[in-house]
C-alpha atoms as a PDB file:
ATOM      1  CA  UNK A   1       0.000   0.000   0.000  1.00  0.00           C
ATOM      2  CA  UNK A   2       2.812   2.448   0.865  1.00  0.00           C
ATOM      3  CA  UNK A   3       4.441   1.857  -2.520  1.00  0.00           C
ATOM      4  CA  UNK A   4       1.173   2.555  -4.299  1.00  0.00           C
ATOM      5  CA  UNK A   5       0.732   5.809  -2.380  1.00  0.00           C
ATOM      6  CA  UNK A   6       4.342   6.829  -3.068  1.00  0.00           C
ATOM      7  CA  UNK A   7       3.954   6.031  -6.766  1.00  0.00           C
ATOM      8  CA  UNK A   8       0.694   7.972  -7.042  1.00  0.00           C
ATOM      9  CA  UNK A   9       2.215  10.903  -5.127  1.00  0.00           C
ATOM     10  CA  UNK A  10       5.262  10.877  -7.387  1.00  0.00           C
ATOM     11  CA  UNK A  11       3.027  10.745 -10.446  1.00  0.00           C
ATOM     12  CA  UNK A  12       1.171  13.844  -9.298  1.00  0.00           C
ATOM     13  CA  UNK A  13       4.502  15.642  -9.010  1.00  0.00           C
ATOM     14  CA  UNK A  14       5.517  14.585 -12.517  1.00  0.00           C
ATOM     15  CA  UNK A  15       3.523  17.443 -14.020  1.00  0.00           C
ATOM     16  CA  UNK A  16       5.671  20.214 -15.475  1.00  0.00           C
ATOM     17  CA  UNK A  17       6.142  22.009 -12.154  1.00  0.00           C
ATOM     18  CA  UNK A  18       9.638  23.051 -13.152  1.00  0.00           C
ATOM     19  CA  UNK A  19       8.306  26.042 -15.098  1.00  0.00           C
ATOM     20  CA  UNK A  20       6.738  27.353 -11.889  1.00  0.00           C
ATOM     21  CA  UNK A  21       9.693  26.548  -9.637  1.00  0.00           C
ATOM     22  CA  UNK A  22      11.677  29.158  -7.750  1.00  0.00           C
ATOM     23  CA  UNK A  23      15.381  28.608  -8.461  1.00  0.00           C
ATOM     24  CA  UNK A  24      16.547  30.925  -5.679  1.00  0.00           C
ATOM     25  CA  UNK A  25      14.377  29.085  -3.157  1.00  0.00           C
ATOM     26  CA  UNK A  26      15.654  25.803  -4.599  1.00  0.00           C
ATOM     27  CA  UNK A  27      19.238  26.900  -4.007  1.00  0.00           C
ATOM     28  CA  UNK A  28      18.454  27.870  -0.434  1.00  0.00           C
ATOM     29  CA  UNK A  29      16.624  24.590   0.209  1.00  0.00           C
ATOM     30  CA  UNK A  30      19.543  22.672  -1.318  1.00  0.00           C
ATOM     31  CA  UNK A  31      21.942  24.472   1.023  1.00  0.00           C
ATOM     32  CA  UNK A  32      19.756  23.723   4.071  1.00  0.00           C
ATOM     33  CA  UNK A  33      18.668  20.159   3.317  1.00  0.00           C
ATOM     34  CA  UNK A  34      21.094  18.613   0.801  1.00  0.00           C
ATOM     35  CA  UNK A  35      24.482  20.315   1.111  1.00  0.00           C
ATOM     36  CA  UNK A  36      25.121  18.540   4.393  1.00  0.00           C
ATOM     37  CA  UNK A  37      26.047  15.513   2.280  1.00  0.00           C
ATOM     38  CA  UNK A  38      26.016  16.632  -1.367  1.00  0.00           C
ATOM     39  CA  UNK A  39      27.727  19.145  -3.578  1.00  0.00           C
ATOM     40  CA  UNK A  40      27.450  20.143  -7.215  1.00  0.00           C
ATOM     41  CA  UNK A  41      30.759  20.425  -9.055  1.00  0.00           C
ATOM     42  CA  UNK A  42      30.794  20.750 -12.836  1.00  0.00           C
ATOM     43  CA  UNK A  43      33.136  18.909 -15.223  1.00  0.00           C
ATOM     44  CA  UNK A  44      35.632  21.776 -15.024  1.00  0.00           C
ATOM     45  CA  UNK A  45      35.871  21.380 -11.238  1.00  0.00           C
ATOM     46  CA  UNK A  46      33.913  24.546 -10.433  1.00  0.00           C
ATOM     47  CA  UNK A  47      31.853  24.376  -7.204  1.00  0.00           C
ATOM     48  CA  UNK A  48      28.298  25.324  -8.210  1.00  0.00           C
ATOM     49  CA  UNK A  49      26.527  24.439  -4.964  1.00  0.00           C
ATOM     50  CA  UNK A  50      27.196  22.790  -1.643  1.00  0.00           C
ATOM     51  CA  UNK A  51      29.972  23.074   0.881  1.00  0.00           C
ATOM     52  CA  UNK A  52      32.515  20.517  -0.263  1.00  0.00           C
ATOM     53  CA  UNK A  53      30.553  17.775   1.477  1.00  0.00           C
ATOM     54  CA  UNK A  54      31.834  14.289   0.816  1.00  0.00           C
ATOM     55  CA  UNK A  55      29.242  11.955   2.344  1.00  0.00           C
ATOM     56  CA  UNK A  56      27.079  11.859  -0.774  1.00  0.00           C
ATOM     57  CA  UNK A  57      27.963  11.848  -4.454  1.00  0.00           C
ATOM     58  CA  UNK A  58      28.291  14.942  -6.629  1.00  0.00           C
ATOM     59  CA  UNK A  59      24.832  15.819  -7.988  1.00  0.00           C
ATOM     60  CA  UNK A  60      26.063  17.597 -11.114  1.00  0.00           C
ATOM     61  CA  UNK A  61      23.930  16.538 -14.083  1.00  0.00           C
ATOM     62  CA  UNK A  62      22.240  13.913 -11.881  1.00  0.00           C
ATOM     63  CA  UNK A  63      19.062  13.845 -13.997  1.00  0.00           C
ATOM     64  CA  UNK A  64      20.871  13.100 -17.264  1.00  0.00           C
ATOM     65  CA  UNK A  65      22.905  10.060 -16.246  1.00  0.00           C
ATOM     66  CA  UNK A  66      22.237   6.644 -14.732  1.00  0.00           C
ATOM     67  CA  UNK A  67      21.950   6.532 -10.956  1.00  0.00           C
ATOM     68  CA  UNK A  68      25.046   5.406  -9.112  1.00  0.00           C
ATOM     69  CA  UNK A  69      27.452   6.607 -11.783  1.00  0.00           C
ATOM     70  CA  UNK A  70      29.814   8.985  -9.962  1.00  0.00           C
ATOM     71  CA  UNK A  71      33.202   7.371 -10.322  1.00  0.00           C
ATOM     72  CA  UNK A  72      34.925   6.481  -7.074  1.00  0.00           C
ATOM     73  CA  UNK A  73      31.809   6.779  -4.879  1.00  0.00           C
ATOM     74  CA  UNK A  74      30.771   3.719  -2.868  1.00  0.00           C
ATOM     75  CA  UNK A  75      27.110   3.075  -3.610  1.00  0.00           C
ATOM     76  CA  UNK A  76      24.686   0.723  -1.889  1.00  0.00           C
ATOM     77  CA  UNK A  77      23.792  -2.523  -3.643  1.00  0.00           C
ATOM     78  CA  UNK A  78      20.424  -1.027  -4.604  1.00  0.00           C
ATOM     79  CA  UNK A  79      22.062   1.969  -6.269  1.00  0.00           C
ATOM     80  CA  UNK A  80      24.532  -0.339  -8.002  1.00  0.00           C
ATOM     81  CA  UNK A  81      21.549  -2.321  -9.320  1.00  0.00           C
ATOM     82  CA  UNK A  82      19.919   0.912 -10.526  1.00  0.00           C
ATOM     83  CA  UNK A  83      23.144   1.765 -12.336  1.00  0.00           C
ATOM     84  CA  UNK A  84      23.373  -1.674 -13.955  1.00  0.00           C
ATOM     85  CA  UNK A  85      19.769  -1.290 -15.148  1.00  0.00           C
ATOM     86  CA  UNK A  86      20.485   2.194 -16.545  1.00  0.00           C
ATOM     87  CA  UNK A  87      17.833   3.871 -14.408  1.00  0.00           C
ATOM     88  CA  UNK A  88      17.892   7.651 -14.799  1.00  0.00           C
ATOM     89  CA  UNK A  89      16.264   9.925 -12.212  1.00  0.00           C
ATOM     90  CA  UNK A  90      13.415  12.185 -13.310  1.00  0.00           C
ATOM     91  CA  UNK A  91      11.258  14.640 -11.379  1.00  0.00           C
ATOM     92  CA  UNK A  92       8.764  12.008 -10.207  1.00  0.00           C
ATOM     93  CA  UNK A  93      11.574   9.685  -9.177  1.00  0.00           C
ATOM     94  CA  UNK A  94      13.304  12.522  -7.330  1.00  0.00           C
ATOM     95  CA  UNK A  95      10.149  13.223  -5.321  1.00  0.00           C
ATOM     96  CA  UNK A  96       9.644   9.559  -4.432  1.00  0.00           C
ATOM     97  CA  UNK A  97      13.355   8.997  -3.735  1.00  0.00           C
ATOM     98  CA  UNK A  98      13.662  11.917  -1.318  1.00  0.00           C
ATOM     99  CA  UNK A  99      10.511  10.745   0.511  1.00  0.00           C
ATOM    100  CA  UNK A 100      11.784   7.177   0.977  1.00  0.00           C
ATOM    101  CA  UNK A 101      15.041   6.305  -0.823  1.00  0.00           C
ATOM    102  CA  UNK A 102      15.154   2.601   0.024  1.00  0.00           C
ATOM    103  CA  UNK A 103      11.517   1.947  -0.821  1.00  0.00           C
ATOM    104  CA  UNK A 104      11.794   3.752  -4.179  1.00  0.00           C
ATOM    105  CA  UNK A 105      15.021   1.935  -5.090  1.00  0.00           C
ATOM    106  CA  UNK A 106      13.510  -1.444  -4.209  1.00  0.00           C
ATOM    107  CA  UNK A 107      10.484  -0.640  -6.352  1.00  0.00           C
ATOM    108  CA  UNK A 108      12.364   0.512  -9.461  1.00  0.00           C
ATOM    109  CA  UNK A 109      15.112  -2.114  -9.329  1.00  0.00           C
ATOM    110  CA  UNK A 110      13.095  -5.063  -8.063  1.00  0.00           C
ATOM    111  CA  UNK A 111      15.894  -5.559  -5.541  1.00  0.00           C
ATOM    112  CA  UNK A 112      16.021  -5.800  -1.814  1.00  0.00           C
ATOM    113  CA  UNK A 113      18.330  -3.927   0.510  1.00  0.00           C
ATOM    114  CA  UNK A 114      19.016  -0.480   1.824  1.00  0.00           C
ATOM    115  CA  UNK A 115      19.867   2.775   0.082  1.00  0.00           C
ATOM    116  CA  UNK A 116      22.689   5.046   1.254  1.00  0.00           C
ATOM    117  CA  UNK A 117      20.552   8.144   1.740  1.00  0.00           C
ATOM    118  CA  UNK A 118      18.208   8.823   4.634  1.00  0.00           C
ATOM    119  CA  UNK A 119      14.724  10.244   4.154  1.00  0.00           C
ATOM    120  CA  UNK A 120      14.623  13.997   3.731  1.00  0.00           C
ATOM    121  CA  UNK A 121      11.640  15.974   4.943  1.00  0.00           C
ATOM    122  CA  UNK A 122      10.649  18.166   2.031  1.00  0.00           C
ATOM    123  CA  UNK A 123       7.285  19.544   1.013  1.00  0.00           C
ATOM    124  CA  UNK A 124       6.112  19.482  -2.631  1.00  0.00           C
ATOM    125  CA  UNK A 125       7.259  23.043  -3.262  1.00  0.00           C
ATOM    126  CA  UNK A 126      10.753  22.360  -1.876  1.00  0.00           C
ATOM    127  CA  UNK A 127      11.033  19.219  -4.012  1.00  0.00           C
ATOM    128  CA  UNK A 128      10.041  21.096  -7.171  1.00  0.00           C
ATOM    129  CA  UNK A 129      12.387  23.982  -6.356  1.00  0.00           C
ATOM    130  CA  UNK A 130      15.400  21.762  -5.576  1.00  0.00           C
ATOM    131  CA  UNK A 131      14.746  19.677  -8.684  1.00  0.00           C
ATOM    132  CA  UNK A 132      14.590  22.811 -10.848  1.00  0.00           C
ATOM    133  CA  UNK A 133      17.703  24.219  -9.165  1.00  0.00           C
ATOM    134  CA  UNK A 134      19.721  21.063  -9.882  1.00  0.00           C
ATOM    135  CA  UNK A 135      18.441  20.943 -13.477  1.00  0.00           C
ATOM    136  CA  UNK A 136      19.459  24.599 -13.920  1.00  0.00           C
ATOM    137  CA  UNK A 137      23.049  23.727 -12.981  1.00  0.00           C
ATOM    138  CA  UNK A 138      23.318  20.949 -15.582  1.00  0.00           C
ATOM    139  CA  UNK A 139      24.930  21.645 -18.962  1.00  0.00           C
ATOM    140  CA  UNK A 140      22.670  22.804 -21.760  1.00  0.00           C
ATOM    141  CA  UNK A 141      21.439  19.911 -23.897  1.00  0.00           C
ATOM    142  CA  UNK A 142      22.843  19.662 -27.393  1.00  0.00           C
ATOM    143  CA  UNK A 143      20.424  19.996 -30.219  1.00  0.00           C
END
């Protein structure tokens, strides 16, 4: 039942909220809730967000690459399975993952185990804003 609720909740968030998101608020929420463990460093080595945290992987371009793909980072078995399956995070996945990382990873991979990340208490607006903020830091798509 919890998985169904999480999936339905994530589906509701999959609407194009990004156009309405507040990037400045997303940056502030990232600093308060995510930068404890994560940072965003581009391919040139420039620190775009975060405080040189090293507990979690670099989130640069996180929505355009398979999960668990930061070289040299030790991922949980569930994140390794997500990587092997080529699972790429999207807005709905981000919402469900932040609400319950292990449950979401078990659902999308079909595996069993524990994710590295703890639950993060975020409301829908914070999720949309952080998602949009991280997307804004990614390189422009070719084409």
